[in-house]
C-alpha atoms as a PDB file:
ATOM      1  CA  MET A   1      80.803 119.426  58.604  1.00  0.00           C
ATOM      2  CA  GLY A   2      78.265 122.062  57.789  1.00  0.00           C
ATOM      3  CA  THR A   3      76.383 122.307  60.953  1.00  0.00           C
ATOM      4  CA  ALA A   4      77.276 123.813  64.276  1.00  0.00           C
ATOM      5  CA  GLY A   5      76.481 120.701  66.180  1.00  0.00           C
ATOM      6  CA  ASN A   6      79.057 118.831  64.256  1.00  0.00           C
ATOM      7  CA  ILE A   7      81.578 121.614  64.705  1.00  0.00           C
ATOM      8  CA  PHE A   8      80.976 121.621  68.496  1.00  0.00           C
ATOM      9  CA  SER A   9      81.373 117.916  68.598  1.00  0.00           C
ATOM     10  CA  ILE A  10      84.638 117.912  66.909  1.00  0.00           C
ATOM     11  CA  LYS A  11      85.962 120.808  69.302  1.00  0.00           C
ATOM     12  CA  SER A  12      84.736 119.188  72.470  1.00  0.00           C
ATOM     13  CA  ALA A  13      86.155 115.670  71.614  1.00  0.00           C
ATOM     14  CA  ARG A  14      89.322 116.698  69.604  1.00  0.00           C
ATOM     15  CA  ILE A  15      91.770 114.551  71.604  1.00  0.00           C
ATOM     16  CA  SER A  16      89.311 111.645  71.513  1.00  0.00           C
ATOM     17  CA  LEU A  17      88.760 111.782  67.844  1.00  0.00           C
ATOM     18  CA  GLN A  18      92.452 111.936  67.074  1.00  0.00           C
ATOM     19  CA  SER A  19      93.193 108.983  69.519  1.00  0.00           C
ATOM     20  CA  ARG A  20      90.526 106.849  68.057  1.00  0.00           C
ATOM     21  CA  ALA A  21      91.300 107.621  64.575  1.00  0.00           C
ATOM     22  CA  ALA A  22      94.780 106.445  65.029  1.00  0.00           C
ATOM     23  CA  TRP A  23      93.865 102.746  65.295  1.00  0.00           C
ATOM     24  CA  LEU A  24      91.895 102.737  61.938  1.00  0.00           C
ATOM     25  CA  PHE A  25      94.500 104.716  60.353  1.00  0.00           C
ATOM     26  CA  GLN A  26      97.112 102.295  61.509  1.00  0.00           C
ATOM     27  CA  ALA A  27      95.050  99.399  60.228  1.00  0.00           C
ATOM     28  CA  LEU A  28      94.579 101.066  56.770  1.00  0.00           C
ATOM     29  CA  SER A  29      98.214 101.956  56.319  1.00  0.00           C
ATOM     30  CA  PHE A  30      99.465  98.645  57.924  1.00  0.00           C
ATOM     31  CA  SER A  31     100.414  97.149  54.502  1.00  0.00           C
ATOM     32  CA  ARG A  32     102.422 100.187  53.433  1.00  0.00           C
ATOM     33  CA  GLN A  33     104.183 100.185  56.787  1.00  0.00           C
ATOM     34  CA  ARG A  34     104.980  96.759  56.785  1.00  0.00           C
ATOM     35  CA  ARG A  35     106.493  96.900  53.283  1.00  0.00           C
ATOM     36  CA  SER A  36     108.647  99.776  54.257  1.00  0.00           C
ATOM     37  CA  GLN A  37     109.716  97.932  57.456  1.00  0.00           C
ATOM     38  CA  SER A  38     110.467  94.929  55.437  1.00  0.00           C
ATOM     39  CA  ALA A  39     112.902  96.757  53.283  1.00  0.00           C
ATOM     40  CA  ARG A  40     114.604  98.193  56.188  1.00  0.00           C
ATOM     41  CA  GLU A  41     114.988  94.657  57.840  1.00  0.00           C
ATOM     42  CA  SER A  42     116.442  92.974  54.718  1.00  0.00           C
ATOM     43  CA  GLN A  43     119.790  90.982  54.647  1.00  0.00           C
ATOM     44  CA  VAL A  44     122.761  92.344  52.744  1.00  0.00           C
ATOM     45  CA  SER A  45     122.164  89.819  50.038  1.00  0.00           C
ATOM     46  CA  ASP A  46     119.173  91.735  49.059  1.00  0.00           C
ATOM     47  CA  ARG A  47     120.032  95.349  47.669  1.00  0.00           C
ATOM     48  CA  ILE A  48     117.152  97.436  48.570  1.00  0.00           C
ATOM     49  CA  LYS A  49     116.053 100.759  47.217  1.00  0.00           C
ATOM     50  CA  MET A  50     115.049 103.113  50.220  1.00  0.00           C
ATOM     51  CA  THR A  51     113.150 104.948  47.603  1.00  0.00           C
ATOM     52  CA  VAL A  52     110.647 107.684  47.170  1.00  0.00           C
ATOM     53  CA  CYS A  53     108.499 107.202  43.967  1.00  0.00           C
ATOM     54  CA  VAL A  54     105.507 109.433  43.125  1.00  0.00           C
ATOM     55  CA  ALA A  55     102.711 108.979  40.562  1.00  0.00           C
ATOM     56  CA  VAL A  56     100.611 111.912  39.766  1.00  0.00           C
ATOM     57  CA  THR A  57      97.412 111.157  37.664  1.00  0.00           C
ATOM     58  CA  VAL A  58      95.306 113.897  35.929  1.00  0.00           C
ATOM     59  CA  ASP A  59      93.220 113.988  32.976  1.00  0.00           C
ATOM     60  CA  ASP A  60      96.009 115.273  30.675  1.00  0.00           C
ATOM     61  CA  GLY A  61      98.231 112.484  31.630  1.00  0.00           C
ATOM     62  CA  LEU A  62     100.409 110.716  34.166  1.00  0.00           C
ATOM     63  CA  VAL A  63     103.777 111.569  35.769  1.00  0.00           C
ATOM     64  CA  PHE A  64     106.175 109.245  37.435  1.00  0.00           C
ATOM     65  CA  ALA A  65     109.142 110.677  39.510  1.00  0.00           C
ATOM     66  CA  ALA A  66     111.736 108.919  41.669  1.00  0.00           C
ATOM     67  CA  ASP A  67     114.911 109.514  43.495  1.00  0.00           C
ATOM     68  CA  SER A  68     118.232 107.625  42.724  1.00  0.00           C
ATOM     69  CA  ALA A  69     119.477 106.565  46.026  1.00  0.00           C
ATOM     70  CA  ALA A  70     119.943 102.754  46.378  1.00  0.00           C
ATOM     71  CA  SER A  71     120.716 101.585  49.814  1.00  0.00           C
ATOM     72  CA  LEU A  72     122.763  98.435  50.802  1.00  0.00           C
ATOM     73  CA  LEU A  73     121.538  96.843  54.124  1.00  0.00           C
ATOM     74  CA  ALA A  74     123.759  94.554  56.392  1.00  0.00           C
ATOM     75  CA  THR A  75     123.240  92.715  59.500  1.00  0.00           C
ATOM     76  CA  ASP A  76     125.308  93.279  62.685  1.00  0.00           C
ATOM     77  CA  PRO A  77     126.376  90.504  64.980  1.00  0.00           C
ATOM     78  CA  ASN A  78     123.143  91.062  67.207  1.00  0.00           C
ATOM     79  CA  GLY A  79     120.904  90.444  64.135  1.00  0.00           C
ATOM     80  CA  GLN A  80     120.031  94.123  63.663  1.00  0.00           C
ATOM     81  CA  SER A  81     120.075  95.424  60.078  1.00  0.00           C
ATOM     82  CA  PHE A  82     121.764  98.728  59.206  1.00  0.00           C
ATOM     83  CA  VAL A  83     122.505 100.706  56.213  1.00  0.00           C
ATOM     84  CA  SER A  84     126.162  99.911  55.189  1.00  0.00           C
ATOM     85  CA  ASN A  85     126.216 102.135  52.076  1.00  0.00           C
ATOM     86  CA  VAL A  86     123.888 104.347  49.899  1.00  0.00           C
ATOM     87  CA  TYR A  87     124.614 104.684  46.096  1.00  0.00           C
ATOM     88  CA  GLN A  88     123.301 107.745  44.466  1.00  0.00           C
ATOM     89  CA  HIS A  89     122.737 106.618  40.916  1.00  0.00           C
ATOM     90  CA  GLY A  90     119.943 104.004  40.824  1.00  0.00           C
ATOM     91  CA  ASN A  91     117.613 104.010  37.837  1.00  0.00           C
ATOM     92  CA  LYS A  92     113.963 103.631  39.081  1.00  0.00           C
ATOM     93  CA  VAL A  93     111.874 105.211  36.170  1.00  0.00           C
ATOM     94  CA  TYR A  94     111.556 103.331  32.856  1.00  0.00           C
ATOM     95  CA  ASN A  95     110.560 103.768  29.250  1.00  0.00           C
ATOM     96  CA  LEU A  96     108.823 100.345  29.009  1.00  0.00           C
ATOM     97  CA  CYS A  97     107.174 100.469  25.725  1.00  0.00           C
ATOM     98  CA  ARG A  98     108.941 102.720  23.143  1.00  0.00           C
ATOM     99  CA  GLY A  99     106.411 104.680  21.067  1.00  0.00           C
ATOM    100  CA  LEU A 100     103.390 104.061  23.405  1.00  0.00           C
ATOM    101  CA  PRO A 101     101.979 106.185  26.294  1.00  0.00           C
ATOM    102  CA  VAL A 102     103.272 103.731  29.005  1.00  0.00           C
ATOM    103  CA  VAL A 103     105.714 104.266  31.813  1.00  0.00           C
ATOM    104  CA  ALA A 104     107.004 102.068  34.640  1.00  0.00           C
ATOM    105  CA  MET A 105     108.769 102.702  38.079  1.00  0.00           C
ATOM    106  CA  THR A 106     110.101 100.511  40.843  1.00  0.00           C
ATOM    107  CA  SER A 107     110.522 100.678  44.541  1.00  0.00           C
ATOM    108  CA  GLY A 108     111.835  98.072  47.040  1.00  0.00           C
ATOM    109  CA  MET A 109     114.341  95.458  45.932  1.00  0.00           C
ATOM    110  CA  ALA A 110     116.929  96.765  43.598  1.00  0.00           C
ATOM    111  CA  SER A 111     117.471  93.292  41.984  1.00  0.00           C
ATOM    112  CA  ILE A 112     116.056  89.895  41.484  1.00  0.00           C
ATOM    113  CA  GLY A 113     119.020  87.617  42.508  1.00  0.00           C
ATOM    114  CA  ARG A 114     121.942  89.114  40.703  1.00  0.00           C
ATOM    115  CA  ALA A 115     119.758  90.909  38.134  1.00  0.00           C
ATOM    116  CA  PRO A 116     119.236  94.551  38.647  1.00  0.00           C
ATOM    117  CA  ILE A 117     115.608  95.672  38.153  1.00  0.00           C
ATOM    118  CA  GLN A 118     116.752  98.310  35.709  1.00  0.00           C
ATOM    119  CA  SER A 119     118.099  95.676  33.440  1.00  0.00           C
ATOM    120  CA  LEU A 120     115.135  93.458  33.821  1.00  0.00           C
ATOM    121  CA  ALA A 121     112.991  96.367  32.762  1.00  0.00           C
ATOM    122  CA  LYS A 122     114.961  96.575  29.436  1.00  0.00           C
ATOM    123  CA  ASP A 123     114.606  92.770  29.073  1.00  0.00           C
ATOM    124  CA  LEU A 124     110.877  93.314  29.568  1.00  0.00           C
ATOM    125  CA  ARG A 125     110.623  96.074  27.250  1.00  0.00           C
ATOM    126  CA  LEU A 126     112.239  93.804  24.429  1.00  0.00           C
ATOM    127  CA  LEU A 127     109.898  90.868  25.375  1.00  0.00           C
ATOM    128  CA  LEU A 128     106.767  93.248  24.889  1.00  0.00           C
ATOM    129  CA  LYS A 129     107.747  93.588  21.175  1.00  0.00           C
ATOM    130  CA  GLU A 130     106.664  91.350  18.385  1.00  0.00           C
ATOM    131  CA  GLY A 131     108.126  87.855  18.466  1.00  0.00           C
ATOM    132  CA  SER A 132     107.649  87.109  22.184  1.00  0.00           C
ATOM    133  CA  SER A 133     104.874  85.249  24.004  1.00  0.00           C
ATOM    134  CA  LEU A 134     104.719  88.503  26.273  1.00  0.00           C
ATOM    135  CA  ALA A 135     104.485  90.667  23.238  1.00  0.00           C
ATOM    136  CA  ILE A 136     101.670  93.208  22.810  1.00  0.00           C
ATOM    137  CA  ASP A 137     100.032  94.600  19.824  1.00  0.00           C
ATOM    138  CA  PRO A 138     100.865  98.392  19.873  1.00  0.00           C
ATOM    139  CA  SER A 139      97.710  99.164  17.849  1.00  0.00           C
ATOM    140  CA  SER A 140      95.421  97.348  20.250  1.00  0.00           C
ATOM    141  CA  TYR A 141      96.588  96.767  23.888  1.00  0.00           C
ATOM    142  CA  ILE A 142      95.404  97.434  27.477  1.00  0.00           C
ATOM    143  CA  VAL A 143      97.707  98.552  30.235  1.00  0.00           C
ATOM    144  CA  GLU A 144      96.415  95.751  32.346  1.00  0.00           C
ATOM    145  CA  GLN A 145      97.789  93.216  29.968  1.00  0.00           C
ATOM    146  CA  ILE A 146     101.192  94.830  30.198  1.00  0.00           C
ATOM    147  CA  ALA A 147     101.014  94.514  33.950  1.00  0.00           C
ATOM    148  CA  ILE A 148      99.935  90.890  33.705  1.00  0.00           C
ATOM    149  CA  ASN A 149     102.864  90.161  31.327  1.00  0.00           C
ATOM    150  CA  ALA A 150     105.266  92.090  33.723  1.00  0.00           C
ATOM    151  CA  ARG A 151     104.197  89.817  36.521  1.00  0.00           C
ATOM    152  CA  LYS A 152     104.704  86.780  34.391  1.00  0.00           C
ATOM    153  CA  PHE A 153     108.247  87.832  33.510  1.00  0.00           C
ATOM    154  CA  LEU A 154     109.374  89.431  36.944  1.00  0.00           C
ATOM    155  CA  TYR A 155     107.772  86.915  39.225  1.00  0.00           C
ATOM    156  CA  GLU A 156     107.079  83.601  37.471  1.00  0.00           C
ATOM    157  CA  GLU A 157     110.127  83.602  35.150  1.00  0.00           C
ATOM    158  CA  LYS A 158     112.694  85.337  37.233  1.00  0.00           C
ATOM    159  CA  PHE A 159     111.801  85.422  40.918  1.00  0.00           C
ATOM    160  CA  LEU A 160     110.458  81.770  41.285  1.00  0.00           C
ATOM    161  CA  ALA A 161     113.635  80.530  39.452  1.00  0.00           C
ATOM    162  CA  LEU A 162     115.942  81.653  42.279  1.00  0.00           C
ATOM    163  CA  GLN A 163     117.487  78.836  44.204  1.00  0.00           C
ATOM    164  CA  PRO A 164     117.428  79.146  47.224  1.00  0.00           C
ATOM    165  CA  PRO A 165     114.573  81.663  47.293  1.00  0.00           C
ATOM    166  CA  PRO A 166     115.415  84.902  48.993  1.00  0.00           C
ATOM    167  CA  PRO A 167     114.487  84.913  52.793  1.00  0.00           C
ATOM    168  CA  ALA A 168     111.779  87.210  53.929  1.00  0.00           C
ATOM    169  CA  PRO A 169     111.279  89.969  54.530  1.00  0.00           C
ATOM    170  CA  HIS A 170     111.542  91.379  51.070  1.00  0.00           C
ATOM    171  CA  LEU A 171     109.332  93.504  48.731  1.00  0.00           C
ATOM    172  CA  LEU A 172     109.369  94.797  45.044  1.00  0.00           C
ATOM    173  CA  ASP A 173     106.695  97.209  43.694  1.00  0.00           C
ATOM    174  CA  PHE A 174     106.676  97.522  39.939  1.00  0.00           C
ATOM    175  CA  TRP A 175     104.285 100.458  38.818  1.00  0.00           C
ATOM    176  CA  ILE A 176     102.990 100.697  35.323  1.00  0.00           C
ATOM    177  CA  GLY A 177     100.851 103.607  34.119  1.00  0.00           C
ATOM    178  CA  GLY A 178      99.656 104.952  30.881  1.00  0.00           C
ATOM    179  CA  PHE A 179      96.854 104.949  28.285  1.00  0.00           C
ATOM    180  CA  SER A 180      95.340 101.864  26.811  1.00  0.00           C
ATOM    181  CA  SER A 181      94.704 101.849  22.988  1.00  0.00           C
ATOM    182  CA  GLY A 182      91.832 104.286  22.259  1.00  0.00           C
ATOM    183  CA  SER A 183      91.474 105.477  25.853  1.00  0.00           C
ATOM    184  CA  GLU A 184      91.081 109.111  26.564  1.00  0.00           C
ATOM    185  CA  GLN A 185      92.353 108.879  30.184  1.00  0.00           C
ATOM    186  CA  PRO A 186      95.371 107.235  32.011  1.00  0.00           C
ATOM    187  CA  GLU A 187      95.215 104.308  34.492  1.00  0.00           C
ATOM    188  CA  LEU A 188      97.739 103.021  37.081  1.00  0.00           C
ATOM    189  CA  TRP A 189      98.606  99.402  37.972  1.00  0.00           C
ATOM    190  CA  LYS A 190     100.981  97.883  40.392  1.00  0.00           C
ATOM    191  CA  VAL A 191     102.797  94.515  40.512  1.00  0.00           C
ATOM    192  CA  THR A 192     103.978  93.538  44.026  1.00  0.00           C
ATOM    193  CA  ILE A 193     106.261  90.729  45.223  1.00  0.00           C
ATOM    194  CA  LEU A 194     106.034  90.470  48.990  1.00  0.00           C
ATOM    195  CA  ASN A 195     107.801  87.768  50.917  1.00  0.00           C
ATOM    196  CA  GLY A 196     107.794  85.371  48.000  1.00  0.00           C
ATOM    197  CA  GLN A 197     104.109  85.969  47.137  1.00  0.00           C
ATOM    198  CA  CYS A 198     102.773  87.898  44.188  1.00  0.00           C
ATOM    199  CA  THR A 199      99.068  88.357  43.606  1.00  0.00           C
ATOM    200  CA  ALA A 200      97.417  89.446  40.431  1.00  0.00           C
ATOM    201  CA  PRO A 201      98.262  93.064  39.305  1.00  0.00           C
ATOM    202  CA  GLU A 202      96.409  95.696  41.331  1.00  0.00           C
ATOM    203  CA  GLN A 203      94.666  98.565  39.704  1.00  0.00           C
ATOM    204  CA  ILE A 204      95.526 101.489  41.791  1.00  0.00           C
ATOM    205  CA  ARG A 205      93.605 104.071  39.660  1.00  0.00           C
ATOM    206  CA  PRO A 206      91.244 103.216  36.946  1.00  0.00           C
ATOM    207  CA  PRO A 207      90.802 105.504  33.954  1.00  0.00           C
ATOM    208  CA  GLY A 208      89.038 108.691  35.024  1.00  0.00           C
ATOM    209  CA  GLN A 209      90.309 108.485  38.684  1.00  0.00           C
ATOM    210  CA  PHE A 210      92.964 111.247  39.408  1.00  0.00           C
ATOM    211  CA  GLY A 211      95.084 111.779  42.411  1.00  0.00           C
ATOM    212  CA  ILE A 212      98.537 111.287  43.855  1.00  0.00           C
ATOM    213  CA  ASN A 213     100.208 107.893  44.770  1.00  0.00           C
ATOM    214  CA  TRP A 214     103.451 107.305  46.529  1.00  0.00           C
ATOM    215  CA  GLY A 215     105.611 104.570  47.661  1.00  0.00           C
ATOM    216  CA  GLY A 216     109.129 103.622  49.063  1.00  0.00           C
ATOM    217  CA  GLN A 217     109.630 105.819  52.144  1.00  0.00           C
ATOM    218  CA  PRO A 218     106.006 107.347  52.291  1.00  0.00           C
ATOM    219  CA  ASP A 219     106.025 109.271  55.530  1.00  0.00           C
ATOM    220  CA  PRO A 220     107.059 112.802  54.486  1.00  0.00           C
ATOM    221  CA  VAL A 221     104.531 112.902  51.499  1.00  0.00           C
ATOM    222  CA  HIS A 222     101.873 111.411  53.842  1.00  0.00           C
ATOM    223  CA  ARG A 223     102.474 113.963  56.514  1.00  0.00           C
ATOM    224  CA  LEU A 224     102.084 116.755  53.933  1.00  0.00           C
ATOM    225  CA  ILE A 225      99.048 115.423  52.127  1.00  0.00           C
ATOM    226  CA  LYS A 226      97.088 113.694  54.777  1.00  0.00           C
ATOM    227  CA  GLY A 227      98.179 116.043  57.577  1.00  0.00           C
ATOM    228  CA  PHE A 228      99.673 113.399  60.153  1.00  0.00           C
ATOM    229  CA  SER A 229     102.380 110.773  60.153  1.00  0.00           C
ATOM    230  CA  GLN A 230     101.682 107.100  59.503  1.00  0.00           C
ATOM    231  CA  ASP A 231     103.277 106.342  62.889  1.00  0.00           C
ATOM    232  CA  ILE A 232     100.612 108.221  64.812  1.00  0.00           C
ATOM    233  CA  GLY A 233      98.674 105.240  65.486  1.00  0.00           C
ATOM    234  CA  THR A 234     101.602 103.641  67.412  1.00  0.00           C
ATOM    235  CA  ALA A 235     101.709 106.729  69.817  1.00  0.00           C
ATOM    236  CA  LEU A 236      97.929 106.910  70.380  1.00  0.00           C
ATOM    237  CA  ILE A 237      96.670 103.343  70.110  1.00  0.00           C
ATOM    238  CA  GLY A 238      97.314 102.974  73.949  1.00  0.00           C
ATOM    239  CA  ALA A 239      95.342 106.254  74.821  1.00  0.00           C
ATOM    240  CA  GLY A 240      92.032 104.330  74.816  1.00  0.00           C
ATOM    241  CA  LEU A 241      90.428 103.555  71.408  1.00  0.00           C
ATOM    242  CA  ASP A 242      87.048 102.619  70.406  1.00  0.00           C
ATOM    243  CA  PRO A 243      87.465 100.700  67.204  1.00  0.00           C
ATOM    244  CA  GLN A 244      83.760 100.724  66.493  1.00  0.00           C
ATOM    245  CA  GLN A 245      83.718 104.344  65.999  1.00  0.00           C
ATOM    246  CA  LEU A 246      86.796 104.781  64.158  1.00  0.00           C
ATOM    247  CA  PRO A 247      85.738 104.683  60.512  1.00  0.00           C
ATOM    248  CA  GLN A 248      83.449 107.745  60.747  1.00  0.00           C
ATOM    249  CA  LEU A 249      85.945 109.503  62.918  1.00  0.00           C
ATOM    250  CA  VAL A 250      88.636 109.027  60.386  1.00  0.00           C
ATOM    251  CA  GLN A 251      86.481 110.435  57.689  1.00  0.00           C
ATOM    252  CA  VAL A 252      85.857 113.442  59.726  1.00  0.00           C
ATOM    253  CA  ILE A 253      89.518 114.189  60.525  1.00  0.00           C
ATOM    254  CA  SER A 254      90.749 113.414  56.918  1.00  0.00           C
ATOM    255  CA  ALA A 255      88.137 115.888  55.603  1.00  0.00           C
ATOM    256  CA  GLN A 256      89.730 118.514  57.923  1.00  0.00           C
ATOM    257  CA  THR A 257      93.417 117.741  57.398  1.00  0.00           C
ATOM    258  CA  GLU A 258      93.901 116.419  53.945  1.00  0.00           C
ATOM    259  CA  ALA A 259      95.635 118.850  51.435  1.00  0.00           C
ATOM    260  CA  PRO A 260      93.936 118.820  47.999  1.00  0.00           C
ATOM    261  CA  LEU A 261      97.096 119.213  45.942  1.00  0.00           C
ATOM    262  CA  CYS A 262      96.018 117.515  42.830  1.00  0.00           C
ATOM    263  CA  HIS A 263      93.018 118.416  40.380  1.00  0.00           C
ATOM    264  CA  PRO A 264      91.921 116.444  37.462  1.00  0.00           C
ATOM    265  CA  ALA A 265      92.134 119.580  35.268  1.00  0.00           C
ATOM    266  CA  MET A 266      95.816 120.218  36.229  1.00  0.00           C
ATOM    267  CA  PRO A 267      97.889 120.709  33.167  1.00  0.00           C
ATOM    268  CA  ILE A 268     100.647 118.115  32.713  1.00  0.00           C
ATOM    269  CA  GLN A 269     103.448 120.616  33.257  1.00  0.00           C
ATOM    270  CA  ASP A 270     101.873 121.524  36.812  1.00  0.00           C
ATOM    271  CA  ALA A 271     101.612 117.728  37.457  1.00  0.00           C
ATOM    272  CA  ILE A 272     105.328 117.267  36.591  1.00  0.00           C
ATOM    273  CA  GLU A 273     106.277 120.137  38.956  1.00  0.00           C
ATOM    274  CA  LEU A 274     104.050 118.579  41.720  1.00  0.00           C
ATOM    275  CA  ALA A 275     105.705 115.234  41.448  1.00  0.00           C
ATOM    276  CA  ASN A 276     109.113 116.878  41.426  1.00  0.00           C
ATOM    277  CA  PHE A 277     108.309 118.845  44.631  1.00  0.00           C
ATOM    278  CA  LEU A 278     106.989 115.739  46.523  1.00  0.00           C
ATOM    279  CA  VAL A 279     110.152 113.876  45.708  1.00  0.00           C
ATOM    280  CA  ASP A 280     112.462 116.859  46.558  1.00  0.00           C
ATOM    281  CA  LEU A 281     110.360 117.250  49.691  1.00  0.00           C
ATOM    282  CA  THR A 282     111.242 113.503  50.819  1.00  0.00           C
ATOM    283  CA  LYS A 283     114.880 113.821  49.815  1.00  0.00           C
ATOM    284  CA  ASN A 284     115.266 116.853  52.065  1.00  0.00           C
ATOM    285  CA  TYR A 285     113.378 115.208  54.876  1.00  0.00           C
ATOM    286  CA  PHE A 286     115.906 112.529  55.062  1.00  0.00           C
ATOM    287  CA  ARG A 287     118.735 114.772  54.498  1.00  0.00           C
ATOM    288  CA  PHE A 288     117.958 116.397  57.857  1.00  0.00           C
ATOM    289  CA  MET A 289     116.634 113.349  59.748  1.00  0.00           C
ATOM    290  CA  PRO A 290     119.138 111.414  61.975  1.00  0.00           C
ATOM    291  CA  GLY A 291     120.563 108.296  60.180  1.00  0.00           C
ATOM    292  CA  ALA A 292     121.618 107.371  56.781  1.00  0.00           C
ATOM    293  CA  ASP A 293     120.333 109.574  53.952  1.00  0.00           C
ATOM    294  CA  VAL A 294     118.496 106.791  52.228  1.00  0.00           C
ATOM    295  CA  VAL A 295     116.503 109.042  49.764  1.00  0.00           C
ATOM    296  CA  GLY A 296     118.702 111.295  47.512  1.00  0.00           C
ATOM    297  CA  GLY A 297     120.576 111.581  44.229  1.00  0.00           C
ATOM    298  CA  GLU A 298     119.110 113.270  41.176  1.00  0.00           C
ATOM    299  CA  THR A 299     115.291 113.003  40.404  1.00  0.00           C
ATOM    300  CA  ASP A 300     114.167 111.063  37.265  1.00  0.00           C
ATOM    301  CA  ILE A 301     110.816 112.152  35.912  1.00  0.00           C
ATOM    302  CA  ALA A 302     108.912 110.867  32.965  1.00  0.00           C
ATOM    303  CA  SER A 303     105.349 111.726  31.554  1.00  0.00           C
ATOM    304  CA  VAL A 304     102.886 110.093  29.218  1.00  0.00           C
ATOM    305  CA  THR A 305     100.094 111.771  27.504  1.00  0.00           C
ATOM    306  CA  ARG A 306      97.833 110.558  24.677  1.00  0.00           C
ATOM    307  CA  HIS A 307      99.329 112.638  21.976  1.00  0.00           C
ATOM    308  CA  GLU A 308     102.814 113.225  23.000  1.00  0.00           C
ATOM    309  CA  LYS A 309     103.100 109.660  24.482  1.00  0.00           C
ATOM    310  CA  PHE A 310     106.141 109.001  26.580  1.00  0.00           C
ATOM    311  CA  LYS A 311     108.615 111.807  27.476  1.00  0.00           C
ATOM    312  CA  TRP A 312     111.545 112.079  29.567  1.00  0.00           C
ATOM    313  CA  ILE A 313     111.327 115.284  31.614  1.00  0.00           C
ATOM    314  CA  LYS A 314     114.449 114.702  33.785  1.00  0.00           C
ATOM    315  CA  ARG A 315     116.951 111.878  33.520  1.00  0.00           C
ATOM    316  CA  LYS A 316     120.526 111.073  34.360  1.00  0.00           C
ATOM    317  CA  HIS A 317     123.131 109.119  32.358  1.00  0.00           C
ATOM    318  CA  TYR A 318     126.116 107.122  33.431  1.00  0.00           C
ATOM    319  CA  TYR A 319     127.623 108.284  30.140  1.00  0.00           C
ATOM    320  CA  PRO A 320     128.168 111.785  28.662  1.00  0.00           C
ATOM    321  CA  ALA A 321     125.242 112.400  26.323  1.00  0.00           C
ATOM    322  CA  HIS A 322     127.263 114.723  24.189  1.00  0.00           C
ATOM    323  CA  LEU A 323     129.747 111.999  23.459  1.00  0.00           C
ATOM    324  CA  ASN A 324     127.027 109.476  22.589  1.00  0.00           C
ATOM    325  CA  LEU A 325     124.783 111.354  20.260  1.00  0.00           C
ATOM    326  CA  LEU A 326     123.411 108.333  18.563  1.00  0.00           C
ATOM    327  CA  GLU A 327     122.897 106.434  21.747  1.00  0.00           C
ATOM    328  CA  HIS A 328     119.146 106.371  22.717  1.00  0.00           C
ATOM    329  CA  ASP A 329     118.689 102.889  24.237  1.00  0.00           C
ATOM    330  CA  HIS A 330     118.419 104.328  27.762  1.00  0.00           C
ATOM    331  CA  VAL A 331     115.752 102.930  30.095  1.00  0.00           C
END
């Protein structure tokens, strides 16, 4: 974008650029759209979290933030799904390995069968301790192994044991982030159960790669950071697209519209405030949008750094903390 020729080309073909870019963008974001759509279409037997979850990764550490709304979906006589109720006290951020710089977060299904994800996260935390086949050595571990063990527990031991298996569509994303033993930079992994299938844990951000990731209901954050809605492809794909030219055009458009909100040198406090802002943005977006308020409640935030390890920044309790001063076993 440094030459006059390039600038002239973009100005003279602005509509064409945007239209053509829509197709590739739709393809790139199809997986995320499909997962969000799957959650909206689920049966009432699956309690679904219409979540916003945000991960901010910087050199100083990693921040997870999520809302608390848990939506209950039902199906009308015509087979159309609708939100029958929204609960405002779901727990989606977890202290997965006490004493270690590791944090977890979830979006999608709120339960596997009748077992809430927040309870399964506590079960997993116990299994990661000494004495279990899933245990890790706190003095020598890697975040990838924690993600692998999380998949074994959530998918192989719990999900595959359901009889009958839950009908599609359904989705569970289980995010795990933190520092491996001896590592100076954080990394981010995700375990995904989608329509009964669960591939190996995916490394979202390797050590040294900074940035923002988001899940659940992604469109408000996507609009802010990327500069356009994920649904733009639906509106523009019929306007005459040339798929062969789309990759380069998308790069040009993204270079002009993406907002660089995150920097690797950002202090952890600023990363915390950025994550909180993005969750709050999404909550207010759905507050004013027509339909059920599927993102809301209090925001839970946790951070991990090399030296301070896991720290709660904001969290809610279902019990009065001042009446339970010795109680600390909260996910």
